[in-house]
Amino acid sequence: MADHSTLVIGAGELGLAVLRSLAASDSRSSSLKVLLRPSHNPNHQALLSELKKLSVTVVYGDVANDSTDVVSDLVSGHTTVISCVGFAAGPGTQIKLARAVLAAEVRRYIPWQFGVDYDIIGRGSPQNLFDEQLDVRALLRGQSHTLWKIVSTGMFTSFLFEPAFGVVDLEAGVCRALGSWEAAVTVTSPQDIGTLTAQIAGETWASSGVVYTAGETITYRTLAAVVEKALRKEVKRELWSVEGLMKELENDPGNGTKKYRAVFAMGKGVSWPMEGTYNYEKGIPVEGVEGWLKGHLNSQ
């Protein structure tokens, strides 16, 4: 792999997990870089210090605001590009990145598709940002020069416990089901996504395609039981129906959180069996919901 260079775009929670795993990999690239936006945030210095220890070279650019041509120049010359820049970068960023990667004739690309199965959800879902993800897939499938791997991870495990999302509110002791108590959701922790993505990136690719991961696929009924066990107390259970969530979204159509709730309540493309996932087939240990929750509570 002497001529192999990898560029990770972004070093947030997921990007940093990917970089740490890539840096520790036995098959690490001869050149490992990260593309960051210039920042005056005090935390930026701590990030730069860690990246230096990991022997990661920093390249500066702004994929959200730079032109496609500028982004294409930034990614050009790298063997593998991994995008860890998510929806927070704004509409249009994902398709711009894909176009820039293809224009630069990058050999291998892992786009930001860490999440649900957009193919099954289809176009016109309550979360309009998902349509752009399908545009990215269509663009990648419509060419053959750049090999690509989409890593479908389900929801980030941590997002299940975001009070603003509303599924689990640990402080209030409330657990809510989206759609029904028997509905399931697949989750993978950001740390495990980092580990698995680095391993996928370190392999030889014979073809392009979608790879599935899962820390756990869990029903909301089981989730409530896991939360009760971890908190050692009874939690209040509330069911949020599809109809109710869609009504809420109609009354507040620009609310991104309500869009996500409605999509997950519909239950399409948001879960898959553990069997058949990359980590299951490779025998790679991953963290389930109970393990993540114990670690989270112990760190507080």
C-alpha atoms as a PDB file:
ATOM      1  CA  MET A   1       0.000   0.000   0.000  1.00  0.00           C
ATOM      2  CA  ALA A   2       2.969   2.271  -0.497  1.00  0.00           C
ATOM      3  CA  ASP A   3       1.097   4.558  -2.878  1.00  0.00           C
ATOM      4  CA  HIS A   4      -2.176   4.494  -0.971  1.00  0.00           C
ATOM      5  CA  SER A   5      -3.433   7.795   0.442  1.00  0.00           C
ATOM      6  CA  THR A   6      -6.636   8.348   2.402  1.00  0.00           C
ATOM      7  CA  LEU A   7      -8.484  11.619   2.968  1.00  0.00           C
ATOM      8  CA  VAL A   8     -11.184  11.853   5.646  1.00  0.00           C
ATOM      9  CA  ILE A   9     -13.504  14.829   5.291  1.00  0.00           C
ATOM     10  CA  GLY A  10     -14.480  16.187   8.700  1.00  0.00           C
ATOM     11  CA  ALA A  11     -13.347  15.378  12.252  1.00  0.00           C
ATOM     12  CA  GLY A  12     -16.505  15.553  14.315  1.00  0.00           C
ATOM     13  CA  GLU A  13     -17.655  12.640  16.482  1.00  0.00           C
ATOM     14  CA  LEU A  14     -17.678  10.190  13.578  1.00  0.00           C
ATOM     15  CA  GLY A  15     -14.736  11.612  11.621  1.00  0.00           C
ATOM     16  CA  LEU A  16     -12.470  11.446  14.641  1.00  0.00           C
ATOM     17  CA  ALA A  17     -13.553   7.848  15.349  1.00  0.00           C
ATOM     18  CA  VAL A  18     -12.705   6.917  11.748  1.00  0.00           C
ATOM     19  CA  LEU A  19      -9.337   8.686  11.918  1.00  0.00           C
ATOM     20  CA  ARG A  20      -8.384   7.014  15.198  1.00  0.00           C
ATOM     21  CA  SER A  21      -9.208   3.596  13.757  1.00  0.00           C
ATOM     22  CA  LEU A  22      -7.400   4.264  10.487  1.00  0.00           C
ATOM     23  CA  ALA A  23      -4.312   5.507  12.344  1.00  0.00           C
ATOM     24  CA  ALA A  24      -4.257   2.355  14.486  1.00  0.00           C
ATOM     25  CA  SER A  25      -4.844  -0.017  11.567  1.00  0.00           C
ATOM     26  CA  ASP A  26      -2.192  -2.523  10.564  1.00  0.00           C
ATOM     27  CA  SER A  27      -2.964  -1.686   6.940  1.00  0.00           C
ATOM     28  CA  ARG A  28      -2.963   2.076   7.403  1.00  0.00           C
ATOM     29  CA  SER A  29      -2.330   4.250   4.396  1.00  0.00           C
ATOM     30  CA  SER A  30       1.113   5.610   3.714  1.00  0.00           C
ATOM     31  CA  SER A  31      -0.599   9.004   3.807  1.00  0.00           C
ATOM     32  CA  LEU A  32      -3.543   9.827   6.083  1.00  0.00           C
ATOM     33  CA  LYS A  33      -5.084  13.289   5.832  1.00  0.00           C
ATOM     34  CA  VAL A  34      -8.148  15.089   7.140  1.00  0.00           C
ATOM     35  CA  LEU A  35      -9.968  17.985   5.501  1.00  0.00           C
ATOM     36  CA  LEU A  36     -11.158  20.573   8.027  1.00  0.00           C
ATOM     37  CA  ARG A  37     -12.781  23.967   7.933  1.00  0.00           C
ATOM     38  CA  PRO A  38     -10.582  26.757   9.336  1.00  0.00           C
ATOM     39  CA  SER A  39     -11.689  27.404  12.928  1.00  0.00           C
ATOM     40  CA  HIS A  40     -10.963  29.810  15.772  1.00  0.00           C
ATOM     41  CA  ASN A  41     -12.802  27.635  18.271  1.00  0.00           C
ATOM     42  CA  PRO A  42     -10.605  26.944  21.355  1.00  0.00           C
ATOM     43  CA  ASN A  43     -11.397  23.221  21.003  1.00  0.00           C
ATOM     44  CA  HIS A  44      -9.743  23.275  17.575  1.00  0.00           C
ATOM     45  CA  GLN A  45      -6.273  23.371  19.140  1.00  0.00           C
ATOM     46  CA  ALA A  46      -6.988  20.223  21.160  1.00  0.00           C
ATOM     47  CA  LEU A  47      -8.178  18.524  17.972  1.00  0.00           C
ATOM     48  CA  LEU A  48      -5.048  19.573  16.086  1.00  0.00           C
ATOM     49  CA  SER A  49      -2.908  18.232  18.933  1.00  0.00           C
ATOM     50  CA  GLU A  50      -4.579  14.810  18.751  1.00  0.00           C
ATOM     51  CA  LEU A  51      -4.347  14.708  14.960  1.00  0.00           C
ATOM     52  CA  LYS A  52      -0.630  15.413  15.211  1.00  0.00           C
ATOM     53  CA  LYS A  53      -0.203  12.487  17.633  1.00  0.00           C
ATOM     54  CA  LEU A  54      -2.072  10.281  15.164  1.00  0.00           C
ATOM     55  CA  SER A  55       0.264  11.431  12.345  1.00  0.00           C
ATOM     56  CA  VAL A  56      -2.695  12.832  10.431  1.00  0.00           C
ATOM     57  CA  THR A  57      -1.963  15.720   8.060  1.00  0.00           C
ATOM     58  CA  VAL A  58      -4.511  18.555   8.118  1.00  0.00           C
ATOM     59  CA  VAL A  59      -5.771  20.118   4.892  1.00  0.00           C
ATOM     60  CA  TYR A  60      -8.079  23.137   5.057  1.00  0.00           C
ATOM     61  CA  GLY A  61     -11.175  23.747   2.969  1.00  0.00           C
ATOM     62  CA  ASP A  62     -14.914  24.321   3.264  1.00  0.00           C
ATOM     63  CA  VAL A  63     -16.915  21.672   1.433  1.00  0.00           C
ATOM     64  CA  ALA A  64     -20.208  23.383   2.270  1.00  0.00           C
ATOM     65  CA  ASN A  65     -19.287  26.753   0.761  1.00  0.00           C
ATOM     66  CA  ASP A  66     -16.448  26.086  -1.691  1.00  0.00           C
ATOM     67  CA  SER A  67     -17.316  25.411  -5.326  1.00  0.00           C
ATOM     68  CA  THR A  68     -17.391  21.896  -6.752  1.00  0.00           C
ATOM     69  CA  ASP A  69     -14.179  22.643  -8.657  1.00  0.00           C
ATOM     70  CA  VAL A  70     -12.370  23.782  -5.505  1.00  0.00           C
ATOM     71  CA  VAL A  71     -13.551  20.719  -3.561  1.00  0.00           C
ATOM     72  CA  SER A  72     -12.511  18.516  -6.483  1.00  0.00           C
ATOM     73  CA  ASP A  73      -8.991  19.965  -6.314  1.00  0.00           C
ATOM     74  CA  LEU A  74      -8.900  19.272  -2.552  1.00  0.00           C
ATOM     75  CA  VAL A  75      -9.817  15.583  -2.917  1.00  0.00           C
ATOM     76  CA  SER A  76      -7.754  15.008  -6.068  1.00  0.00           C
ATOM     77  CA  GLY A  77      -4.773  12.666  -5.832  1.00  0.00           C
ATOM     78  CA  HIS A  78      -6.108  10.568  -2.957  1.00  0.00           C
ATOM     79  CA  THR A  79      -6.750   6.853  -3.390  1.00  0.00           C
ATOM     80  CA  THR A  80      -9.620   6.725  -0.898  1.00  0.00           C
ATOM     81  CA  VAL A  81     -11.914   9.542   0.249  1.00  0.00           C
ATOM     82  CA  ILE A  82     -14.216   9.054   3.251  1.00  0.00           C
ATOM     83  CA  SER A  83     -16.813  11.733   3.893  1.00  0.00           C
ATOM     84  CA  CYS A  84     -17.724  12.239   7.549  1.00  0.00           C
ATOM     85  CA  VAL A  85     -19.566  15.490   6.881  1.00  0.00           C
ATOM     86  CA  GLY A  86     -23.259  14.986   7.546  1.00  0.00           C
ATOM     87  CA  PHE A  87     -26.532  16.829   7.048  1.00  0.00           C
ATOM     88  CA  ALA A  88     -25.428  19.710   9.284  1.00  0.00           C
ATOM     89  CA  ALA A  89     -23.334  20.956   6.347  1.00  0.00           C
ATOM     90  CA  GLY A  90     -26.587  21.911   4.630  1.00  0.00           C
ATOM     91  CA  PRO A  91     -28.607  20.832   1.589  1.00  0.00           C
ATOM     92  CA  GLY A  92     -26.596  20.238  -1.564  1.00  0.00           C
ATOM     93  CA  THR A  93     -23.341  19.355   0.190  1.00  0.00           C
ATOM     94  CA  GLN A  94     -23.636  15.578  -0.269  1.00  0.00           C
ATOM     95  CA  ILE A  95     -24.266  15.727  -4.019  1.00  0.00           C
ATOM     96  CA  LYS A  96     -21.553  18.381  -4.428  1.00  0.00           C
ATOM     97  CA  LEU A  97     -19.037  16.106  -2.701  1.00  0.00           C
ATOM     98  CA  ALA A  98     -19.997  13.150  -4.880  1.00  0.00           C
ATOM     99  CA  ARG A  99     -19.622  15.245  -8.030  1.00  0.00           C
ATOM    100  CA  ALA A 100     -16.261  16.583  -6.828  1.00  0.00           C
ATOM    101  CA  VAL A 101     -14.975  13.080  -6.079  1.00  0.00           C
ATOM    102  CA  LEU A 102     -16.026  11.786  -9.489  1.00  0.00           C
ATOM    103  CA  ALA A 103     -14.550  14.811 -11.273  1.00  0.00           C
ATOM    104  CA  ALA A 104     -11.249  14.208  -9.454  1.00  0.00           C
ATOM    105  CA  GLU A 105     -11.344  10.539 -10.548  1.00  0.00           C
ATOM    106  CA  VAL A 106     -10.733   9.340  -6.999  1.00  0.00           C
ATOM    107  CA  ARG A 107     -10.373   5.549  -7.052  1.00  0.00           C
ATOM    108  CA  ARG A 108     -12.503   4.748  -3.987  1.00  0.00           C
ATOM    109  CA  TYR A 109     -15.198   6.697  -2.141  1.00  0.00           C
ATOM    110  CA  ILE A 110     -17.166   6.174   1.059  1.00  0.00           C
ATOM    111  CA  PRO A 111     -19.835   8.906   1.070  1.00  0.00           C
ATOM    112  CA  TRP A 112     -21.752  10.151   4.095  1.00  0.00           C
ATOM    113  CA  GLN A 113     -24.544   7.571   3.953  1.00  0.00           C
ATOM    114  CA  PHE A 114     -24.101   6.432   7.553  1.00  0.00           C
ATOM    115  CA  GLY A 115     -27.700   5.906   8.558  1.00  0.00           C
ATOM    116  CA  VAL A 116     -30.870   4.344   7.239  1.00  0.00           C
ATOM    117  CA  ASP A 117     -31.540   2.370   4.043  1.00  0.00           C
ATOM    118  CA  TYR A 118     -32.485   5.219   1.723  1.00  0.00           C
ATOM    119  CA  ASP A 119     -33.240   2.824  -1.156  1.00  0.00           C
ATOM    120  CA  ILE A 120     -36.050   1.189   0.831  1.00  0.00           C
ATOM    121  CA  ILE A 121     -37.370   4.470   2.252  1.00  0.00           C
ATOM    122  CA  GLY A 122     -37.526   5.909  -1.268  1.00  0.00           C
ATOM    123  CA  ARG A 123     -38.180   9.431  -2.444  1.00  0.00           C
ATOM    124  CA  GLY A 124     -40.703  11.795  -0.909  1.00  0.00           C
ATOM    125  CA  SER A 125     -40.271  10.730   2.722  1.00  0.00           C
ATOM    126  CA  PRO A 126     -41.019  13.191   5.556  1.00  0.00           C
ATOM    127  CA  GLN A 127     -37.260  13.900   5.770  1.00  0.00           C
ATOM    128  CA  ASN A 128     -36.624  15.724   2.476  1.00  0.00           C
ATOM    129  CA  LEU A 129     -32.834  15.580   2.974  1.00  0.00           C
ATOM    130  CA  PHE A 130     -33.047  11.848   2.253  1.00  0.00           C
ATOM    131  CA  ASP A 131     -33.876  12.528  -1.417  1.00  0.00           C
ATOM    132  CA  GLU A 132     -30.404  14.035  -1.867  1.00  0.00           C
ATOM    133  CA  GLN A 133     -28.910  10.798  -0.520  1.00  0.00           C
ATOM    134  CA  LEU A 134     -30.745   8.948  -3.282  1.00  0.00           C
ATOM    135  CA  ASP A 135     -29.367  11.448  -5.810  1.00  0.00           C
ATOM    136  CA  VAL A 136     -25.855  10.586  -4.563  1.00  0.00           C
ATOM    137  CA  ARG A 137     -26.539   6.864  -4.965  1.00  0.00           C
ATOM    138  CA  ALA A 138     -27.884   7.366  -8.490  1.00  0.00           C
ATOM    139  CA  LEU A 139     -24.792   9.399  -9.422  1.00  0.00           C
ATOM    140  CA  LEU A 140     -22.391   6.779  -8.051  1.00  0.00           C
ATOM    141  CA  ARG A 141     -24.279   3.885  -9.647  1.00  0.00           C
ATOM    142  CA  GLY A 142     -24.306   5.676 -12.983  1.00  0.00           C
ATOM    143  CA  GLN A 143     -20.522   5.503 -13.401  1.00  0.00           C
ATOM    144  CA  SER A 144     -17.836   2.834 -13.201  1.00  0.00           C
ATOM    145  CA  HIS A 145     -14.511   4.645 -12.703  1.00  0.00           C
ATOM    146  CA  THR A 146     -14.803   5.285  -8.972  1.00  0.00           C
ATOM    147  CA  LEU A 147     -15.506   2.316  -6.718  1.00  0.00           C
ATOM    148  CA  TRP A 148     -17.757   3.132  -3.758  1.00  0.00           C
ATOM    149  CA  LYS A 149     -18.968   1.589  -0.538  1.00  0.00           C
ATOM    150  CA  ILE A 150     -22.039   2.851   1.269  1.00  0.00           C
ATOM    151  CA  VAL A 151     -21.976   1.969   4.969  1.00  0.00           C
ATOM    152  CA  SER A 152     -25.550   1.718   6.289  1.00  0.00           C
ATOM    153  CA  THR A 153     -25.357   1.878  10.077  1.00  0.00           C
ATOM    154  CA  GLY A 154     -28.881   2.658  11.199  1.00  0.00           C
ATOM    155  CA  MET A 155     -29.282   5.390  13.787  1.00  0.00           C
ATOM    156  CA  PHE A 156     -26.263   6.431  15.849  1.00  0.00           C
ATOM    157  CA  THR A 157     -26.812   4.750  19.248  1.00  0.00           C
ATOM    158  CA  SER A 158     -26.225   8.081  20.984  1.00  0.00           C
ATOM    159  CA  PHE A 159     -29.101   9.671  19.018  1.00  0.00           C
ATOM    160  CA  LEU A 160     -31.588   7.290  20.683  1.00  0.00           C
ATOM    161  CA  PHE A 161     -30.791   9.031  23.957  1.00  0.00           C
ATOM    162  CA  GLU A 162     -30.856  12.629  22.739  1.00  0.00           C
ATOM    163  CA  PRO A 163     -33.547  14.316  24.874  1.00  0.00           C
ATOM    164  CA  ALA A 164     -34.461  16.588  21.939  1.00  0.00           C
ATOM    165  CA  PHE A 165     -35.180  13.536  19.745  1.00  0.00           C
ATOM    166  CA  GLY A 166     -37.573  12.327  22.412  1.00  0.00           C
ATOM    167  CA  VAL A 167     -37.291   8.538  22.262  1.00  0.00           C
ATOM    168  CA  VAL A 168     -35.443   8.196  25.567  1.00  0.00           C
ATOM    169  CA  ASP A 169     -35.254  10.962  28.147  1.00  0.00           C
ATOM    170  CA  LEU A 170     -33.047   9.512  30.880  1.00  0.00           C
ATOM    171  CA  GLU A 171     -33.424  12.503  33.188  1.00  0.00           C
ATOM    172  CA  ALA A 172     -37.220  12.456  33.015  1.00  0.00           C
ATOM    173  CA  GLY A 173     -37.368   8.648  33.030  1.00  0.00           C
ATOM    174  CA  VAL A 174     -39.474   8.428  29.868  1.00  0.00           C
ATOM    175  CA  CYS A 175     -39.255   5.988  26.944  1.00  0.00           C
ATOM    176  CA  ARG A 176     -41.328   6.555  23.820  1.00  0.00           C
ATOM    177  CA  ALA A 177     -42.063   4.223  20.930  1.00  0.00           C
ATOM    178  CA  LEU A 178     -42.128   5.647  17.398  1.00  0.00           C
ATOM    179  CA  GLY A 179     -45.002   3.996  15.529  1.00  0.00           C
ATOM    180  CA  SER A 180     -45.477   0.948  17.764  1.00  0.00           C
ATOM    181  CA  TRP A 181     -43.809  -0.893  20.629  1.00  0.00           C
ATOM    182  CA  GLU A 182     -42.998  -3.795  18.312  1.00  0.00           C
ATOM    183  CA  ALA A 183     -41.315  -1.542  15.728  1.00  0.00           C
ATOM    184  CA  ALA A 184     -37.547  -2.001  15.550  1.00  0.00           C
ATOM    185  CA  VAL A 185     -34.629   0.314  14.933  1.00  0.00           C
ATOM    186  CA  THR A 186     -31.036  -0.587  14.038  1.00  0.00           C
ATOM    187  CA  VAL A 187     -28.341   1.354  15.863  1.00  0.00           C
ATOM    188  CA  THR A 188     -24.527   1.413  15.746  1.00  0.00           C
ATOM    189  CA  SER A 189     -22.305   3.488  18.032  1.00  0.00           C
ATOM    190  CA  PRO A 190     -20.095   6.149  16.404  1.00  0.00           C
ATOM    191  CA  GLN A 191     -17.007   4.387  17.799  1.00  0.00           C
ATOM    192  CA  ASP A 192     -18.024   1.103  16.183  1.00  0.00           C
ATOM    193  CA  ILE A 193     -18.860   2.877  12.924  1.00  0.00           C
ATOM    194  CA  GLY A 194     -15.346   4.316  13.004  1.00  0.00           C
ATOM    195  CA  THR A 195     -13.802   0.877  13.562  1.00  0.00           C
ATOM    196  CA  LEU A 196     -15.887  -0.854  10.894  1.00  0.00           C
ATOM    197  CA  THR A 197     -15.471   1.925   8.315  1.00  0.00           C
ATOM    198  CA  ALA A 198     -11.693   1.864   8.782  1.00  0.00           C
ATOM    199  CA  GLN A 199     -11.685  -1.912   8.303  1.00  0.00           C
ATOM    200  CA  ILE A 200     -13.818  -1.632   5.150  1.00  0.00           C
ATOM    201  CA  ALA A 201     -11.506   1.090   3.837  1.00  0.00           C
ATOM    202  CA  GLY A 202      -8.467  -1.134   4.514  1.00  0.00           C
ATOM    203  CA  GLU A 203      -9.781  -3.998   2.387  1.00  0.00           C
ATOM    204  CA  THR A 204      -9.297  -4.619  -1.321  1.00  0.00           C
ATOM    205  CA  TRP A 205     -12.489  -3.722  -3.169  1.00  0.00           C
ATOM    206  CA  ALA A 206     -13.500  -5.895  -6.098  1.00  0.00           C
ATOM    207  CA  SER A 207     -16.778  -4.069  -6.592  1.00  0.00           C
ATOM    208  CA  SER A 208     -19.021  -1.285  -5.293  1.00  0.00           C
ATOM    209  CA  GLY A 209     -22.042  -1.769  -3.070  1.00  0.00           C
ATOM    210  CA  VAL A 210     -23.923  -1.219   0.168  1.00  0.00           C
ATOM    211  CA  VAL A 211     -22.533  -2.670   3.414  1.00  0.00           C
ATOM    212  CA  TYR A 212     -24.750  -2.982   6.499  1.00  0.00           C
ATOM    213  CA  THR A 213     -23.621  -2.725  10.120  1.00  0.00           C
ATOM    214  CA  ALA A 214     -25.523  -3.068  13.386  1.00  0.00           C
ATOM    215  CA  GLY A 215     -24.554  -2.680  16.999  1.00  0.00           C
ATOM    216  CA  GLU A 216     -28.058  -3.946  17.714  1.00  0.00           C
ATOM    217  CA  THR A 217     -31.483  -4.125  16.149  1.00  0.00           C
ATOM    218  CA  ILE A 218     -33.912  -3.457  18.973  1.00  0.00           C
ATOM    219  CA  THR A 219     -37.664  -2.984  19.401  1.00  0.00           C
ATOM    220  CA  TYR A 220     -38.926  -0.029  21.412  1.00  0.00           C
ATOM    221  CA  ARG A 221     -40.446  -2.497  23.902  1.00  0.00           C
ATOM    222  CA  THR A 222     -37.035  -4.066  24.533  1.00  0.00           C
ATOM    223  CA  LEU A 223     -35.433  -0.618  24.637  1.00  0.00           C
ATOM    224  CA  ALA A 224     -37.744   0.441  27.468  1.00  0.00           C
ATOM    225  CA  ALA A 225     -36.801  -2.700  29.417  1.00  0.00           C
ATOM    226  CA  VAL A 226     -33.078  -2.024  28.864  1.00  0.00           C
ATOM    227  CA  VAL A 227     -33.481   1.559  30.091  1.00  0.00           C
ATOM    228  CA  GLU A 228     -35.364   0.390  33.202  1.00  0.00           C
ATOM    229  CA  LYS A 229     -32.613  -2.117  33.983  1.00  0.00           C
ATOM    230  CA  ALA A 230     -29.903   0.507  33.591  1.00  0.00           C
ATOM    231  CA  LEU A 231     -31.711   3.151  35.657  1.00  0.00           C
ATOM    232  CA  ARG A 232     -32.950   0.572  38.191  1.00  0.00           C
ATOM    233  CA  LYS A 233     -36.375   2.160  38.221  1.00  0.00           C
ATOM    234  CA  GLU A 234     -39.604   2.015  36.278  1.00  0.00           C
ATOM    235  CA  VAL A 235     -39.803   4.335  33.269  1.00  0.00           C
ATOM    236  CA  LYS A 236     -42.894   5.996  31.891  1.00  0.00           C
ATOM    237  CA  ARG A 237     -43.915   4.602  28.493  1.00  0.00           C
ATOM    238  CA  GLU A 238     -45.551   6.702  25.784  1.00  0.00           C
ATOM    239  CA  LEU A 239     -46.546   5.709  22.245  1.00  0.00           C
ATOM    240  CA  TRP A 240     -46.124   8.290  19.490  1.00  0.00           C
ATOM    241  CA  SER A 241     -48.271   7.160  16.556  1.00  0.00           C
ATOM    242  CA  VAL A 242     -47.468   7.778  12.895  1.00  0.00           C
ATOM    243  CA  GLU A 243     -50.668   9.821  12.576  1.00  0.00           C
ATOM    244  CA  GLY A 244     -49.815  11.988  15.569  1.00  0.00           C
ATOM    245  CA  LEU A 245     -46.237  12.584  14.435  1.00  0.00           C
ATOM    246  CA  MET A 246     -47.345  13.463  10.902  1.00  0.00           C
ATOM    247  CA  LYS A 247     -49.853  15.941  12.347  1.00  0.00           C
ATOM    248  CA  GLU A 248     -47.099  17.534  14.418  1.00  0.00           C
ATOM    249  CA  LEU A 249     -44.947  17.805  11.296  1.00  0.00           C
ATOM    250  CA  GLU A 250     -47.785  19.407   9.318  1.00  0.00           C
ATOM    251  CA  ASN A 251     -48.027  22.075  12.002  1.00  0.00           C
ATOM    252  CA  ASP A 252     -44.258  22.633  12.010  1.00  0.00           C
ATOM    253  CA  PRO A 253     -43.043  21.575   8.520  1.00  0.00           C
ATOM    254  CA  GLY A 254     -39.524  22.976   8.850  1.00  0.00           C
ATOM    255  CA  ASN A 255     -38.681  21.071  12.033  1.00  0.00           C
ATOM    256  CA  GLY A 256     -35.901  18.583  11.268  1.00  0.00           C
ATOM    257  CA  THR A 257     -36.373  16.566  14.462  1.00  0.00           C
ATOM    258  CA  LYS A 258     -40.059  16.022  13.701  1.00  0.00           C
ATOM    259  CA  LYS A 259     -39.119  14.880  10.177  1.00  0.00           C
ATOM    260  CA  TYR A 260     -36.814  12.218  11.622  1.00  0.00           C
ATOM    261  CA  ARG A 261     -39.423  11.053  14.121  1.00  0.00           C
ATOM    262  CA  ALA A 262     -41.991  10.590  11.366  1.00  0.00           C
ATOM    263  CA  VAL A 263     -39.583   8.597   9.175  1.00  0.00           C
ATOM    264  CA  PHE A 264     -38.598   6.250  11.981  1.00  0.00           C
ATOM    265  CA  ALA A 265     -42.222   5.801  13.062  1.00  0.00           C
ATOM    266  CA  MET A 266     -43.092   4.625   9.545  1.00  0.00           C
ATOM    267  CA  GLY A 267     -40.635   1.774  10.090  1.00  0.00           C
ATOM    268  CA  LYS A 268     -39.420   1.406   6.478  1.00  0.00           C
ATOM    269  CA  GLY A 269     -35.677   1.013   5.916  1.00  0.00           C
ATOM    270  CA  VAL A 270     -34.749   1.816   9.517  1.00  0.00           C
ATOM    271  CA  SER A 271     -33.896  -1.698  10.731  1.00  0.00           C
ATOM    272  CA  TRP A 272     -32.359  -4.951   9.463  1.00  0.00           C
ATOM    273  CA  PRO A 273     -31.320  -8.285  11.017  1.00  0.00           C
ATOM    274  CA  MET A 274     -27.939  -8.563  12.711  1.00  0.00           C
ATOM    275  CA  GLU A 275     -27.269 -11.632  10.551  1.00  0.00           C
ATOM    276  CA  GLY A 276     -25.997 -10.407   7.214  1.00  0.00           C
ATOM    277  CA  THR A 277     -24.283  -7.337   8.652  1.00  0.00           C
ATOM    278  CA  TYR A 278     -20.586  -6.769   8.030  1.00  0.00           C
ATOM    279  CA  ASN A 279     -19.673  -7.022  11.715  1.00  0.00           C
ATOM    280  CA  TYR A 280     -21.703 -10.234  12.195  1.00  0.00           C
ATOM    281  CA  GLU A 281     -20.198 -11.955   9.159  1.00  0.00           C
ATOM    282  CA  LYS A 282     -16.652 -10.910  10.142  1.00  0.00           C
ATOM    283  CA  GLY A 283     -17.138 -11.775  13.819  1.00  0.00           C
ATOM    284  CA  ILE A 284     -16.218  -8.244  14.903  1.00  0.00           C
ATOM    285  CA  PRO A 285     -17.462  -7.429  18.429  1.00  0.00           C
ATOM    286  CA  VAL A 286     -19.727  -4.374  18.617  1.00  0.00           C
ATOM    287  CA  GLU A 287     -21.517  -2.510  21.377  1.00  0.00           C
ATOM    288  CA  GLY A 288     -25.246  -2.999  21.887  1.00  0.00           C
ATOM    289  CA  VAL A 289     -27.651  -0.546  23.449  1.00  0.00           C
ATOM    290  CA  GLU A 290     -27.210  -1.868  27.006  1.00  0.00           C
ATOM    291  CA  GLY A 291     -23.415  -1.653  26.772  1.00  0.00           C
ATOM    292  CA  TRP A 292     -23.513   1.865  25.355  1.00  0.00           C
ATOM    293  CA  LEU A 293     -25.957   3.008  28.022  1.00  0.00           C
ATOM    294  CA  LYS A 294     -23.871   1.582  30.877  1.00  0.00           C
ATOM    295  CA  GLY A 295     -20.794   3.371  29.556  1.00  0.00           C
ATOM    296  CA  HIS A 296     -22.750   6.603  29.151  1.00  0.00           C
ATOM    297  CA  LEU A 297     -24.167   6.492  32.690  1.00  0.00           C
ATOM    298  CA  ASN A 298     -20.776   5.580  34.193  1.00  0.00           C
ATOM    299  CA  SER A 299     -19.113   8.546  32.464  1.00  0.00           C
ATOM    300  CA  GLN A 300     -21.500  11.057  33.993  1.00  0.00           C
END
